[in-house]
Amino acid sequence: MIDSLIGRVETVDRFVALGRTTRVVGLVVEATGVDVALGELCRVRPRHGAASVLAEVVGFHERGVLLMPLGALEGLHPGSLVEPLGRSLGADVGPELLGRVLNALG
């Protein structure tokens, strides 16, 4: 019985502190309430069913975090949720990659 309970606890999603967008200037999205490092990826989730977009942390200032989106900003508005993903952008490399063509996201 204990083993099944431990197994159930291990499958529970981890606690994630979400931030919110505060403004967009050009292609830079400003967000507050997220504890992230430079180069970390975040998922920005607009309301009303619009597709989420990945964004990379590119800077900080006294008001918050600066994100550079890696896709279209359609549906984004002040207050959109920002979820830190805890990893940076990268691609595994090896012999399987030889002769392949990659886009900017790998």
N, C-alpha and C. Protein backbone atom coordinates (compact mmCIF):
# COMPACT_ATOMS: atom_id res chain seq x y z
N MET A 1 0.82 -1.19 0.00
CA MET A 1 0.00 0.00 0.00
C MET A 1 0.87 1.27 0.00
N ILE A 2 1.91 1.26 0.82
CA ILE A 2 2.80 2.42 0.89
C ILE A 2 3.47 2.67 -0.46
N ASP A 3 3.90 1.59 -1.12
CA ASP A 3 4.56 1.75 -2.43
C ASP A 3 3.62 2.38 -3.45
N SER A 4 2.36 2.02 -3.44
CA SER A 4 1.42 2.62 -4.40
C SER A 4 1.19 4.10 -4.09
N LEU A 5 1.16 4.44 -2.81
CA LEU A 5 1.00 5.85 -2.44
C LEU A 5 2.22 6.67 -2.84
N ILE A 6 3.41 6.11 -2.63
CA ILE A 6 4.64 6.81 -3.03
C ILE A 6 4.65 6.99 -4.54
N GLY A 7 4.23 5.98 -5.28
CA GLY A 7 4.15 6.08 -6.74
C GLY A 7 3.20 7.17 -7.19
N ARG A 8 2.08 7.31 -6.51
CA ARG A 8 1.11 8.36 -6.85
C ARG A 8 1.67 9.74 -6.56
N VAL A 9 2.39 9.90 -5.45
CA VAL A 9 2.98 11.19 -5.10
C VAL A 9 4.04 11.60 -6.12
N GLU A 10 4.82 10.63 -6.60
CA GLU A 10 5.87 10.94 -7.58
C GLU A 10 5.31 11.40 -8.91
N THR A 11 4.06 11.08 -9.22
CA THR A 11 3.48 11.48 -10.50
C THR A 11 2.77 12.84 -10.44
N VAL A 12 2.66 13.42 -9.26
CA VAL A 12 2.00 14.72 -9.12
C VAL A 12 2.88 15.80 -9.72
N ASP A 13 2.28 16.70 -10.48
CA ASP A 13 3.03 17.81 -11.07
C ASP A 13 3.67 18.65 -9.98
N ARG A 14 4.85 19.17 -10.31
CA ARG A 14 5.56 20.02 -9.36
C ARG A 14 4.87 21.38 -9.27
N PHE A 15 5.11 22.08 -8.17
CA PHE A 15 4.57 23.42 -7.97
C PHE A 15 5.32 24.38 -8.88
N VAL A 16 4.61 25.19 -9.62
CA VAL A 16 5.23 26.16 -10.53
C VAL A 16 4.69 27.54 -10.21
N ALA A 17 5.59 28.49 -9.95
CA ALA A 17 5.18 29.87 -9.73
C ALA A 17 5.07 30.55 -11.09
N LEU A 18 3.90 31.01 -11.43
CA LEU A 18 3.67 31.66 -12.71
C LEU A 18 3.79 33.17 -12.58
N GLY A 19 4.33 33.79 -13.61
CA GLY A 19 4.38 35.24 -13.67
C GLY A 19 3.33 35.76 -14.63
N ARG A 20 3.35 37.06 -14.85
CA ARG A 20 2.39 37.68 -15.77
C ARG A 20 3.11 38.70 -16.64
N THR A 21 2.63 38.83 -17.89
CA THR A 21 3.19 39.85 -18.77
C THR A 21 2.66 41.22 -18.34
N THR A 22 3.51 42.22 -18.46
CA THR A 22 3.09 43.58 -18.10
C THR A 22 3.04 44.50 -19.31
N ARG A 23 3.92 44.26 -20.29
CA ARG A 23 3.88 45.08 -21.51
C ARG A 23 4.73 44.45 -22.60
N VAL A 24 4.51 44.92 -23.82
CA VAL A 24 5.29 44.50 -24.98
C VAL A 24 5.77 45.76 -25.68
N VAL A 25 7.08 45.82 -25.94
CA VAL A 25 7.67 46.94 -26.67
C VAL A 25 8.44 46.34 -27.84
N GLY A 26 7.93 46.56 -29.05
CA GLY A 26 8.54 45.93 -30.22
C GLY A 26 8.36 44.43 -30.12
N LEU A 27 9.46 43.71 -30.11
CA LEU A 27 9.40 42.25 -29.97
C LEU A 27 9.76 41.78 -28.57
N VAL A 28 10.00 42.70 -27.65
CA VAL A 28 10.40 42.33 -26.29
C VAL A 28 9.17 42.33 -25.39
N VAL A 29 9.01 41.23 -24.66
CA VAL A 29 7.90 41.07 -23.72
C VAL A 29 8.45 41.27 -22.32
N GLU A 30 7.78 42.11 -21.54
CA GLU A 30 8.18 42.34 -20.14
C GLU A 30 7.24 41.55 -19.23
N ALA A 31 7.83 40.88 -18.23
CA ALA A 31 7.02 40.07 -17.30
C ALA A 31 7.51 40.27 -15.87
N THR A 32 6.62 40.05 -14.93
CA THR A 32 6.97 40.13 -13.51
C THR A 32 6.52 38.84 -12.83
N GLY A 33 7.09 38.59 -11.65
CA GLY A 33 6.66 37.46 -10.84
C GLY A 33 7.30 36.14 -11.17
N VAL A 34 8.33 36.12 -12.00
CA VAL A 34 9.02 34.87 -12.31
C VAL A 34 10.47 34.94 -11.84
N ASP A 35 10.94 33.84 -11.28
CA ASP A 35 12.33 33.74 -10.82
C ASP A 35 13.08 32.91 -11.86
N VAL A 36 13.76 33.59 -12.79
CA VAL A 36 14.41 32.92 -13.91
C VAL A 36 15.84 33.41 -14.08
N ALA A 37 16.62 32.65 -14.83
CA ALA A 37 17.99 33.01 -15.14
C ALA A 37 18.10 33.45 -16.60
N LEU A 38 19.13 34.18 -16.89
CA LEU A 38 19.39 34.62 -18.26
C LEU A 38 19.54 33.39 -19.16
N GLY A 39 18.85 33.39 -20.29
CA GLY A 39 18.91 32.27 -21.23
C GLY A 39 17.86 31.20 -20.99
N GLU A 40 17.13 31.27 -19.88
CA GLU A 40 16.12 30.27 -19.57
C GLU A 40 14.90 30.44 -20.48
N LEU A 41 14.23 29.33 -20.76
CA LEU A 41 13.02 29.37 -21.57
C LEU A 41 11.79 29.52 -20.69
N CYS A 42 10.81 30.23 -21.22
CA CYS A 42 9.51 30.39 -20.57
C CYS A 42 8.43 30.12 -21.61
N ARG A 43 7.27 29.68 -21.14
CA ARG A 43 6.12 29.53 -22.02
C ARG A 43 5.14 30.64 -21.67
N VAL A 44 4.78 31.45 -22.65
CA VAL A 44 3.82 32.53 -22.46
C VAL A 44 2.48 32.03 -22.98
N ARG A 45 1.47 32.04 -22.09
CA ARG A 45 0.16 31.49 -22.43
C ARG A 45 -0.89 32.59 -22.48
N PRO A 46 -1.30 33.00 -23.69
CA PRO A 46 -2.37 34.00 -23.81
C PRO A 46 -3.70 33.41 -23.37
N ARG A 47 -4.64 34.29 -23.08
CA ARG A 47 -5.99 33.84 -22.75
C ARG A 47 -6.77 33.54 -24.03
N HIS A 48 -7.97 33.07 -23.88
CA HIS A 48 -8.93 32.85 -24.97
C HIS A 48 -8.45 31.81 -25.98
N GLY A 49 -7.72 30.80 -25.52
CA GLY A 49 -7.39 29.67 -26.37
C GLY A 49 -6.32 29.88 -27.42
N ALA A 50 -5.67 31.04 -27.46
CA ALA A 50 -4.60 31.25 -28.43
C ALA A 50 -3.42 30.34 -28.08
N ALA A 51 -2.65 29.96 -29.07
CA ALA A 51 -1.52 29.06 -28.87
C ALA A 51 -0.44 29.74 -28.01
N SER A 52 0.19 28.95 -27.13
CA SER A 52 1.27 29.49 -26.31
C SER A 52 2.52 29.67 -27.17
N VAL A 53 3.44 30.49 -26.70
CA VAL A 53 4.67 30.75 -27.43
C VAL A 53 5.85 30.62 -26.46
N LEU A 54 6.94 30.04 -26.95
CA LEU A 54 8.16 29.97 -26.15
C LEU A 54 8.87 31.31 -26.22
N ALA A 55 9.53 31.67 -25.13
CA ALA A 55 10.29 32.92 -25.08
C ALA A 55 11.55 32.68 -24.26
N GLU A 56 12.62 33.36 -24.62
CA GLU A 56 13.90 33.24 -23.92
C GLU A 56 14.15 34.49 -23.09
N VAL A 57 14.65 34.30 -21.87
CA VAL A 57 14.99 35.42 -21.00
C VAL A 57 16.25 36.08 -21.56
N VAL A 58 16.14 37.37 -21.92
CA VAL A 58 17.27 38.09 -22.51
C VAL A 58 17.74 39.27 -21.66
N GLY A 59 17.03 39.57 -20.58
CA GLY A 59 17.48 40.68 -19.74
C GLY A 59 16.59 40.89 -18.54
N PHE A 60 17.05 41.81 -17.68
CA PHE A 60 16.35 42.15 -16.45
C PHE A 60 16.40 43.65 -16.26
N HIS A 61 15.49 44.19 -15.50
CA HIS A 61 15.58 45.56 -15.00
C HIS A 61 14.73 45.65 -13.75
N GLU A 62 14.64 46.83 -13.16
CA GLU A 62 13.97 46.97 -11.86
C GLU A 62 12.48 46.61 -11.90
N ARG A 63 11.86 46.63 -13.07
CA ARG A 63 10.43 46.32 -13.15
C ARG A 63 10.15 44.86 -13.48
N GLY A 64 11.15 44.11 -13.90
CA GLY A 64 10.89 42.72 -14.22
C GLY A 64 11.89 42.08 -15.15
N VAL A 65 11.41 41.12 -15.91
CA VAL A 65 12.22 40.28 -16.79
C VAL A 65 11.88 40.61 -18.23
N LEU A 66 12.89 40.60 -19.10
CA LEU A 66 12.68 40.84 -20.52
C LEU A 66 12.78 39.52 -21.27
N LEU A 67 11.77 39.23 -22.08
CA LEU A 67 11.70 37.98 -22.82
C LEU A 67 11.67 38.26 -24.31
N MET A 68 12.38 37.42 -25.08
CA MET A 68 12.34 37.50 -26.53
C MET A 68 11.56 36.29 -27.03
N PRO A 69 10.38 36.51 -27.62
CA PRO A 69 9.56 35.38 -28.08
C PRO A 69 10.21 34.65 -29.25
N LEU A 70 9.99 33.35 -29.32
CA LEU A 70 10.52 32.52 -30.40
C LEU A 70 9.40 32.12 -31.35
N GLY A 71 8.37 32.94 -31.42
CA GLY A 71 7.23 32.68 -32.29
C GLY A 71 6.34 33.90 -32.36
N ALA A 72 5.18 33.75 -32.97
CA ALA A 72 4.24 34.86 -33.15
C ALA A 72 3.63 35.28 -31.81
N LEU A 73 3.35 36.57 -31.69
CA LEU A 73 2.80 37.14 -30.46
C LEU A 73 1.28 37.28 -30.51
N GLU A 74 0.63 36.64 -31.43
CA GLU A 74 -0.82 36.77 -31.57
C GLU A 74 -1.54 36.34 -30.30
N GLY A 75 -2.47 37.16 -29.85
CA GLY A 75 -3.25 36.84 -28.67
C GLY A 75 -2.62 37.25 -27.36
N LEU A 76 -1.38 37.71 -27.39
CA LEU A 76 -0.70 38.13 -26.17
C LEU A 76 -1.26 39.45 -25.67
N HIS A 77 -1.40 39.61 -24.39
CA HIS A 77 -1.96 40.82 -23.80
C HIS A 77 -1.40 41.00 -22.40
N PRO A 78 -1.55 42.17 -21.79
CA PRO A 78 -1.11 42.33 -20.40
C PRO A 78 -1.84 41.33 -19.51
N GLY A 79 -1.09 40.65 -18.69
CA GLY A 79 -1.67 39.66 -17.79
C GLY A 79 -1.60 38.23 -18.29
N SER A 80 -1.04 38.01 -19.48
CA SER A 80 -0.86 36.64 -19.95
C SER A 80 0.06 35.89 -19.00
N LEU A 81 -0.18 34.60 -18.81
CA LEU A 81 0.63 33.81 -17.89
C LEU A 81 2.00 33.50 -18.47
N VAL A 82 3.02 33.55 -17.61
CA VAL A 82 4.39 33.23 -18.00
C VAL A 82 4.86 32.09 -17.10
N GLU A 83 5.17 30.95 -17.71
CA GLU A 83 5.61 29.76 -16.97
C GLU A 83 7.09 29.49 -17.23
N PRO A 84 7.95 29.58 -16.21
CA PRO A 84 9.36 29.23 -16.42
C PRO A 84 9.49 27.72 -16.63
N LEU A 85 10.31 27.33 -17.61
CA LEU A 85 10.47 25.92 -17.93
C LEU A 85 11.69 25.29 -17.26
N GLY A 86 12.57 26.12 -16.68
CA GLY A 86 13.71 25.59 -15.94
C GLY A 86 14.82 25.02 -16.80
N ARG A 87 14.86 25.39 -18.07
CA ARG A 87 15.92 24.89 -18.96
C ARG A 87 16.18 25.94 -20.03
N SER A 88 17.31 25.80 -20.69
CA SER A 88 17.63 26.70 -21.79
C SER A 88 17.42 25.97 -23.11
N LEU A 89 17.49 26.72 -24.19
CA LEU A 89 17.30 26.16 -25.51
C LEU A 89 18.54 25.38 -25.91
N GLY A 90 18.36 24.20 -26.43
CA GLY A 90 19.50 23.39 -26.86
C GLY A 90 19.04 22.23 -27.71
N ALA A 91 19.98 21.61 -28.36
CA ALA A 91 19.68 20.44 -29.18
C ALA A 91 20.78 19.42 -28.96
N ASP A 92 20.40 18.17 -28.85
CA ASP A 92 21.39 17.10 -28.73
C ASP A 92 22.10 16.93 -30.07
N VAL A 93 23.40 16.68 -30.00
CA VAL A 93 24.16 16.49 -31.23
C VAL A 93 24.83 15.12 -31.19
N GLY A 94 25.05 14.58 -32.37
CA GLY A 94 25.68 13.29 -32.49
C GLY A 94 25.69 12.88 -33.95
N PRO A 95 26.11 11.66 -34.23
CA PRO A 95 26.20 11.20 -35.61
C PRO A 95 24.85 11.27 -36.36
N GLU A 96 23.73 11.12 -35.62
CA GLU A 96 22.42 11.17 -36.27
C GLU A 96 22.13 12.53 -36.88
N LEU A 97 22.83 13.56 -36.43
CA LEU A 97 22.58 14.92 -36.89
C LEU A 97 23.32 15.25 -38.19
N LEU A 98 24.31 14.47 -38.55
CA LEU A 98 25.08 14.73 -39.77
C LEU A 98 24.17 14.71 -40.99
N GLY A 99 24.28 15.74 -41.81
CA GLY A 99 23.51 15.84 -43.05
C GLY A 99 22.08 16.31 -42.85
N ARG A 100 21.69 16.67 -41.64
CA ARG A 100 20.33 17.12 -41.37
C ARG A 100 20.27 18.64 -41.47
N VAL A 101 19.08 19.15 -41.75
CA VAL A 101 18.85 20.59 -41.80
C VAL A 101 17.97 20.93 -40.59
N LEU A 102 18.38 21.93 -39.80
CA LEU A 102 17.65 22.32 -38.61
C LEU A 102 17.11 23.73 -38.76
N ASN A 103 15.96 23.98 -38.11
CA ASN A 103 15.48 25.36 -38.05
C ASN A 103 16.11 26.03 -36.83
N ALA A 104 15.74 27.25 -36.54
CA ALA A 104 16.37 28.01 -35.45
C ALA A 104 16.14 27.40 -34.09
N LEU A 105 15.09 26.60 -33.92
CA LEU A 105 14.81 25.97 -32.62
C LEU A 105 15.37 24.56 -32.52
N GLY A 106 16.09 24.11 -33.54
CA GLY A 106 16.71 22.78 -33.50
C GLY A 106 15.77 21.70 -33.91
